[in-house]
Amino acid sequence: MADRKKTITVQQIGSPIRRPADQRATLIGLGLNRMNRRRVLEDTPAVRGMIAKVSHLVRVVDEA
């Protein structure tokens, strides 16, 4: 069987307006820069840390 990597889907639910520059940069690093945009990302500790940093601006939609 092929080694399937785990993925996580995140959706931006908050605006980066009036947020610190590092939080804006984290959203861009996650591929999120517009409201309600979704991205499917590889589930790694680095990505989890980025999500934790902006947890008030994003929502985990699906973990596969």
PDB file of N, CA and C in Angstrom:
ATOM      1  N   MET A   1       0.829  -1.197   0.000  1.00  0.00           N
ATOM      2  CA  MET A   1       0.000   0.000   0.000  1.00  0.00           C
ATOM      3  C   MET A   1       0.867   1.251   0.000  1.00  0.00           C
ATOM      4  N   ALA A   2       0.386   2.276  -0.639  1.00  0.00           N
ATOM      5  CA  ALA A   2       1.114   3.543  -0.676  1.00  0.00           C
ATOM      6  C   ALA A   2       1.019   4.226   0.680  1.00  0.00           C
ATOM      7  N   ASP A   3       2.107   4.871   1.049  1.00  0.00           N
ATOM      8  CA  ASP A   3       2.134   5.591   2.324  1.00  0.00           C
ATOM      9  C   ASP A   3       1.397   6.918   2.131  1.00  0.00           C
ATOM     10  N   ARG A   4       0.187   6.971   2.661  1.00  0.00           N
ATOM     11  CA  ARG A   4      -0.643   8.159   2.494  1.00  0.00           C
ATOM     12  C   ARG A   4      -0.388   9.147   3.628  1.00  0.00           C
ATOM     13  N   LYS A   5      -0.096  10.374   3.272  1.00  0.00           N
ATOM     14  CA  LYS A   5       0.167  11.403   4.273  1.00  0.00           C
ATOM     15  C   LYS A   5      -1.143  11.961   4.806  1.00  0.00           C
ATOM     16  N   LYS A   6      -1.126  12.288   6.082  1.00  0.00           N
ATOM     17  CA  LYS A   6      -2.317  12.885   6.681  1.00  0.00           C
ATOM     18  C   LYS A   6      -2.416  14.341   6.254  1.00  0.00           C
ATOM     19  N   THR A   7      -3.657  14.785   6.069  1.00  0.00           N
ATOM     20  CA  THR A   7      -3.884  16.172   5.678  1.00  0.00           C
ATOM     21  C   THR A   7      -4.870  16.814   6.642  1.00  0.00           C
ATOM     22  N   ILE A   8      -4.863  18.118   6.615  1.00  0.00           N
ATOM     23  CA  ILE A   8      -5.771  18.895   7.450  1.00  0.00           C
ATOM     24  C   ILE A   8      -6.297  20.052   6.598  1.00  0.00           C
ATOM     25  N   THR A   9      -7.589  20.313   6.678  1.00  0.00           N
ATOM     26  CA  THR A   9      -8.200  21.404   5.920  1.00  0.00           C
ATOM     27  C   THR A   9      -8.517  22.537   6.888  1.00  0.00           C
ATOM     28  N   VAL A  10      -8.001  23.719   6.570  1.00  0.00           N
ATOM     29  CA  VAL A  10      -8.246  24.889   7.413  1.00  0.00           C
ATOM     30  C   VAL A  10      -8.965  25.953   6.598  1.00  0.00           C
ATOM     31  N   GLN A  11      -9.799  26.721   7.275  1.00  0.00           N
ATOM     32  CA  GLN A  11     -10.554  27.798   6.642  1.00  0.00           C
ATOM     33  C   GLN A  11     -10.324  29.077   7.434  1.00  0.00           C
ATOM     34  N   GLN A  12     -10.101  30.158   6.728  1.00  0.00           N
ATOM     35  CA  GLN A  12      -9.927  31.448   7.390  1.00  0.00           C
ATOM     36  C   GLN A  12     -11.291  32.006   7.756  1.00  0.00           C
ATOM     37  N   ILE A  13     -11.471  32.349   9.035  1.00  0.00           N
ATOM     38  CA  ILE A  13     -12.752  32.885   9.491  1.00  0.00           C
ATOM     39  C   ILE A  13     -12.615  34.285  10.074  1.00  0.00           C
ATOM     40  N   GLY A  14     -11.384  34.786  10.186  1.00  0.00           N
ATOM     41  CA  GLY A  14     -11.168  36.111  10.742  1.00  0.00           C
ATOM     42  C   GLY A  14     -10.298  36.947   9.829  1.00  0.00           C
ATOM     43  N   SER A  15     -10.440  38.249   9.924  1.00  0.00           N
ATOM     44  CA  SER A  15      -9.690  39.172   9.079  1.00  0.00           C
ATOM     45  C   SER A  15      -8.335  39.504   9.703  1.00  0.00           C
ATOM     46  N   PRO A  16      -7.290  39.612   8.877  1.00  0.00           N
ATOM     47  CA  PRO A  16      -5.977  40.000   9.397  1.00  0.00           C
ATOM     48  C   PRO A  16      -5.832  41.513   9.605  1.00  0.00           C
ATOM     49  N   ILE A  17      -6.880  42.266   9.313  1.00  0.00           N
ATOM     50  CA  ILE A  17      -6.820  43.714   9.500  1.00  0.00           C
ATOM     51  C   ILE A  17      -6.665  44.012  10.997  1.00  0.00           C
ATOM     52  N   ARG A  18      -5.771  44.920  11.316  1.00  0.00           N
ATOM     53  CA  ARG A  18      -5.463  45.333  12.688  1.00  0.00           C
ATOM     54  C   ARG A  18      -4.902  44.199  13.529  1.00  0.00           C
ATOM     55  N   ARG A  19      -4.203  43.282  12.885  1.00  0.00           N
ATOM     56  CA  ARG A  19      -3.502  42.200  13.574  1.00  0.00           C
ATOM     57  C   ARG A  19      -2.004  42.439  13.437  1.00  0.00           C
ATOM     58  N   PRO A  20      -1.221  41.893  14.362  1.00  0.00           N
ATOM     59  CA  PRO A  20       0.236  42.050  14.248  1.00  0.00           C
ATOM     60  C   PRO A  20       0.773  41.453  12.942  1.00  0.00           C
ATOM     61  N   ALA A  21       1.893  41.984  12.493  1.00  0.00           N
ATOM     62  CA  ALA A  21       2.483  41.559  11.224  1.00  0.00           C
ATOM     63  C   ALA A  21       2.829  40.079  11.224  1.00  0.00           C
ATOM     64  N   ASP A  22       3.240  39.536  12.373  1.00  0.00           N
ATOM     65  CA  ASP A  22       3.600  38.116  12.395  1.00  0.00           C
ATOM     66  C   ASP A  22       2.379  37.221  12.190  1.00  0.00           C
ATOM     67  N   GLN A  23       1.214  37.657  12.658  1.00  0.00           N
ATOM     68  CA  GLN A  23       0.001  36.864  12.439  1.00  0.00           C
ATOM     69  C   GLN A  23      -0.422  36.929  10.969  1.00  0.00           C
ATOM     70  N   ARG A  24      -0.266  38.090  10.344  1.00  0.00           N
ATOM     71  CA  ARG A  24      -0.564  38.203   8.913  1.00  0.00           C
ATOM     72  C   ARG A  24       0.360  37.298   8.119  1.00  0.00           C
ATOM     73  N   ALA A  25       1.642  37.307   8.479  1.00  0.00           N
ATOM     74  CA  ALA A  25       2.617  36.480   7.771  1.00  0.00           C
ATOM     75  C   ALA A  25       2.316  34.995   7.958  1.00  0.00           C
ATOM     76  N   THR A  26       1.825  34.617   9.125  1.00  0.00           N
ATOM     77  CA  THR A  26       1.471  33.223   9.372  1.00  0.00           C
ATOM     78  C   THR A  26       0.300  32.807   8.484  1.00  0.00           C
ATOM     79  N   LEU A  27      -0.693  33.667   8.348  1.00  0.00           N
ATOM     80  CA  LEU A  27      -1.816  33.365   7.459  1.00  0.00           C
ATOM     81  C   LEU A  27      -1.341  33.184   6.017  1.00  0.00           C
ATOM     82  N   ILE A  28      -0.464  34.043   5.575  1.00  0.00           N
ATOM     83  CA  ILE A  28       0.058  33.935   4.212  1.00  0.00           C
ATOM     84  C   ILE A  28       0.859  32.647   4.062  1.00  0.00           C
ATOM     85  N   GLY A  29       1.614  32.296   5.103  1.00  0.00           N
ATOM     86  CA  GLY A  29       2.378  31.050   5.084  1.00  0.00           C
ATOM     87  C   GLY A  29       1.481  29.833   4.983  1.00  0.00           C
ATOM     88  N   LEU A  30       0.296  29.924   5.547  1.00  0.00           N
ATOM     89  CA  LEU A  30      -0.674  28.834   5.448  1.00  0.00           C
ATOM     90  C   LEU A  30      -1.428  28.859   4.119  1.00  0.00           C
ATOM     91  N   GLY A  31      -1.234  29.895   3.328  1.00  0.00           N
ATOM     92  CA  GLY A  31      -1.932  30.009   2.052  1.00  0.00           C
ATOM     93  C   GLY A  31      -3.297  30.647   2.188  1.00  0.00           C
ATOM     94  N   LEU A  32      -3.528  31.309   3.309  1.00  0.00           N
ATOM     95  CA  LEU A  32      -4.822  31.951   3.555  1.00  0.00           C
ATOM     96  C   LEU A  32      -4.616  33.460   3.560  1.00  0.00           C
ATOM     97  N   ASN A  33      -5.330  34.167   2.720  1.00  0.00           N
ATOM     98  CA  ASN A  33      -5.223  35.620   2.729  1.00  0.00           C
ATOM     99  C   ASN A  33      -6.543  36.296   2.385  1.00  0.00           C
ATOM    100  N   ARG A  34      -7.623  35.501   2.302  1.00  0.00           N
ATOM    101  CA  ARG A  34      -8.953  36.063   2.077  1.00  0.00           C
ATOM    102  C   ARG A  34      -9.943  35.321   2.949  1.00  0.00           C
ATOM    103  N   MET A  35     -10.985  35.997   3.321  1.00  0.00           N
ATOM    104  CA  MET A  35     -12.008  35.399   4.161  1.00  0.00           C
ATOM    105  C   MET A  35     -12.617  34.169   3.500  1.00  0.00           C
ATOM    106  N   ASN A  36     -12.878  33.149   4.308  1.00  0.00           N
ATOM    107  CA  ASN A  36     -13.520  31.896   3.906  1.00  0.00           C
ATOM    108  C   ASN A  36     -12.702  31.052   2.935  1.00  0.00           C
ATOM    109  N   ARG A  37     -11.460  31.407   2.691  1.00  0.00           N
ATOM    110  CA  ARG A  37     -10.611  30.593   1.819  1.00  0.00           C
ATOM    111  C   ARG A  37     -10.198  29.333   2.569  1.00  0.00           C
ATOM    112  N   ARG A  38     -10.171  28.207   1.862  1.00  0.00           N
ATOM    113  CA  ARG A  38      -9.788  26.929   2.462  1.00  0.00           C
ATOM    114  C   ARG A  38      -8.518  26.414   1.809  1.00  0.00           C
ATOM    115  N   ARG A  39      -7.699  25.725   2.613  1.00  0.00           N
ATOM    116  CA  ARG A  39      -6.496  25.102   2.116  1.00  0.00           C
ATOM    117  C   ARG A  39      -6.375  23.717   2.726  1.00  0.00           C
ATOM    118  N   VAL A  40      -5.933  22.771   1.918  1.00  0.00           N
ATOM    119  CA  VAL A  40      -5.634  21.425   2.398  1.00  0.00           C
ATOM    120  C   VAL A  40      -4.123  21.370   2.580  1.00  0.00           C
ATOM    121  N   LEU A  41      -3.695  21.148   3.822  1.00  0.00           N
ATOM    122  CA  LEU A  41      -2.281  21.173   4.165  1.00  0.00           C
ATOM    123  C   LEU A  41      -1.854  19.834   4.744  1.00  0.00           C
ATOM    124  N   GLU A  42      -0.564  19.558   4.656  1.00  0.00           N
ATOM    125  CA  GLU A  42      -0.016  18.350   5.260  1.00  0.00           C
ATOM    126  C   GLU A  42      -0.028  18.532   6.775  1.00  0.00           C
ATOM    127  N   ASP A  43      -0.431  17.497   7.481  1.00  0.00           N
ATOM    128  CA  ASP A  43      -0.550  17.563   8.944  1.00  0.00           C
ATOM    129  C   ASP A  43       0.808  17.300   9.581  1.00  0.00           C
ATOM    130  N   THR A  44       1.559  18.384   9.817  1.00  0.00           N
ATOM    131  CA  THR A  44       2.879  18.295  10.435  1.00  0.00           C
ATOM    132  C   THR A  44       2.894  19.150  11.696  1.00  0.00           C
ATOM    133  N   PRO A  45       3.857  18.921  12.574  1.00  0.00           N
ATOM    134  CA  PRO A  45       3.953  19.764  13.775  1.00  0.00           C
ATOM    135  C   PRO A  45       4.134  21.247  13.446  1.00  0.00           C
ATOM    136  N   ALA A  46       4.843  21.562  12.368  1.00  0.00           N
ATOM    137  CA  ALA A  46       5.042  22.961  11.983  1.00  0.00           C
ATOM    138  C   ALA A  46       3.721  23.611  11.597  1.00  0.00           C
ATOM    139  N   VAL A  47       2.919  22.905  10.810  1.00  0.00           N
ATOM    140  CA  VAL A  47       1.616  23.441  10.388  1.00  0.00           C
ATOM    141  C   VAL A  47       0.697  23.567  11.595  1.00  0.00           C
ATOM    142  N   ARG A  48       0.726  22.581  12.479  1.00  0.00           N
ATOM    143  CA  ARG A  48      -0.100  22.656  13.697  1.00  0.00           C
ATOM    144  C   ARG A  48       0.290  23.869  14.541  1.00  0.00           C
ATOM    145  N   GLY A  49       1.574  24.160  14.621  1.00  0.00           N
ATOM    146  CA  GLY A  49       2.034  25.331  15.372  1.00  0.00           C
ATOM    147  C   GLY A  49       1.559  26.624  14.754  1.00  0.00           C
ATOM    148  N   MET A  50       1.573  26.684  13.428  1.00  0.00           N
ATOM    149  CA  MET A  50       1.095  27.877  12.737  1.00  0.00           C
ATOM    150  C   MET A  50      -0.403  28.065  12.974  1.00  0.00           C
ATOM    151  N   ILE A  51      -1.149  26.959  12.943  1.00  0.00           N
ATOM    152  CA  ILE A  51      -2.588  27.034  13.192  1.00  0.00           C
ATOM    153  C   ILE A  51      -2.852  27.500  14.623  1.00  0.00           C
ATOM    154  N   ALA A  52      -2.063  27.004  15.561  1.00  0.00           N
ATOM    155  CA  ALA A  52      -2.234  27.402  16.963  1.00  0.00           C
ATOM    156  C   ALA A  52      -1.966  28.893  17.148  1.00  0.00           C
ATOM    157  N   LYS A  53      -1.011  29.424  16.399  1.00  0.00           N
ATOM    158  CA  LYS A  53      -0.656  30.832  16.521  1.00  0.00           C
ATOM    159  C   LYS A  53      -1.777  31.764  16.067  1.00  0.00           C
ATOM    160  N   VAL A  54      -2.548  31.318  15.069  1.00  0.00           N
ATOM    161  CA  VAL A  54      -3.646  32.146  14.555  1.00  0.00           C
ATOM    162  C   VAL A  54      -4.983  31.421  14.731  1.00  0.00           C
ATOM    163  N   SER A  55      -5.118  30.695  15.818  1.00  0.00           N
ATOM    164  CA  SER A  55      -6.324  29.884  16.041  1.00  0.00           C
ATOM    165  C   SER A  55      -7.595  30.731  16.123  1.00  0.00           C
ATOM    166  N   HIS A  56      -7.466  32.000  16.471  1.00  0.00           N
ATOM    167  CA  HIS A  56      -8.624  32.882  16.539  1.00  0.00           C
ATOM    168  C   HIS A  56      -9.039  33.397  15.154  1.00  0.00           C
ATOM    169  N   LEU A  57      -8.224  33.114  14.135  1.00  0.00           N
ATOM    170  CA  LEU A  57      -8.521  33.569  12.775  1.00  0.00           C
ATOM    171  C   LEU A  57      -8.850  32.426  11.820  1.00  0.00           C
ATOM    172  N   VAL A  58      -8.590  31.182  12.248  1.00  0.00           N
ATOM    173  CA  VAL A  58      -8.826  30.041  11.362  1.00  0.00           C
ATOM    174  C   VAL A  58      -9.647  28.981  12.067  1.00  0.00           C
ATOM    175  N   ARG A  59     -10.213  28.076  11.263  1.00  0.00           N
ATOM    176  CA  ARG A  59     -10.988  26.960  11.791  1.00  0.00           C
ATOM    177  C   ARG A  59     -10.535  25.702  11.072  1.00  0.00           C
ATOM    178  N   VAL A  60     -10.358  24.625  11.835  1.00  0.00           N
ATOM    179  CA  VAL A  60     -10.031  23.333  11.239  1.00  0.00           C
ATOM    180  C   VAL A  60     -11.334  22.720  10.758  1.00  0.00           C
ATOM    181  N   VAL A  61     -11.448  22.537   9.447  1.00  0.00           N
ATOM    182  CA  VAL A  61     -12.686  22.032   8.854  1.00  0.00           C
ATOM    183  C   VAL A  61     -12.685  20.514   8.838  1.00  0.00           C
ATOM    184  N   ASP A  62     -11.549  19.925   8.463  1.00  0.00           N
ATOM    185  CA  ASP A  62     -11.501  18.477   8.294  1.00  0.00           C
ATOM    186  C   ASP A  62     -10.095  17.964   8.555  1.00  0.00           C
ATOM    187  N   GLU A  63     -10.025  16.827   9.224  1.00  0.00           N
ATOM    188  CA  GLU A  63      -8.756  16.147   9.438  1.00  0.00           C
ATOM    189  C   GLU A  63      -8.851  14.777   8.812  1.00  0.00           C
ATOM    190  N   ALA A  64      -8.022  14.508   7.828  1.00  0.00           N
ATOM    191  CA  ALA A  64      -8.074  13.218   7.150  1.00  0.00           C
ATOM    192  C   ALA A  64      -6.736  12.520   7.214  1.00  0.00           C
TER     193      ALA A  64
END
